[in-house]
Amino acid sequence: MRYLFERLAAATPIGAGFAEPVDLGEAVAAQIQRMVATRPRKAGDDSDLLGFGMLNVVDVSANGEAGLRRYAARLARMIERFEPRLANVEVTLVPDRNPLMPNRLRVSGRLCTADAQPFRIVVDAGTGAALEVVLR
């Protein structure tokens, strides 16, 4: 399953009779990167219907380890809600030199395919950019 913008970006001319194959792992990785890179609207904003987006990890880390654990838990909930193509989601903070300021997140799980293919991505917590994607 591809999301609307993925389908539009790779649209084939009408009547072509075929669609480009989609790499499920790459599509899931791109969606997770969007989640991390998107900032939520202000609390109480009536136009925020979905509650989509993650706070900046640097701001959250000011609350110490408890804040970082809440950040990882929120990302896991968001993936479960907005990325149904990934099951058994686990999110861990990958410590850097300063363990209170992690700049990487490891998301792992299983793709919802016939063979339940393992999936892992490491993303920059500040920008959402993929640093490593492992499929299989």
Foldseek 3Di string as FASTA:
>chain_A
DADPVVCVVQPDDPPPPDGDDDDQQVRLLVVLLVQLQADFDDPPPPVRPPRGHADQLQVQLVVPPVSVVVRQVVSQVCCVVPPVQFPPWGKDFDADPDNSRGQKIKIWTFGPDPVRWTWIWIAGNRHSHTPDIDTD
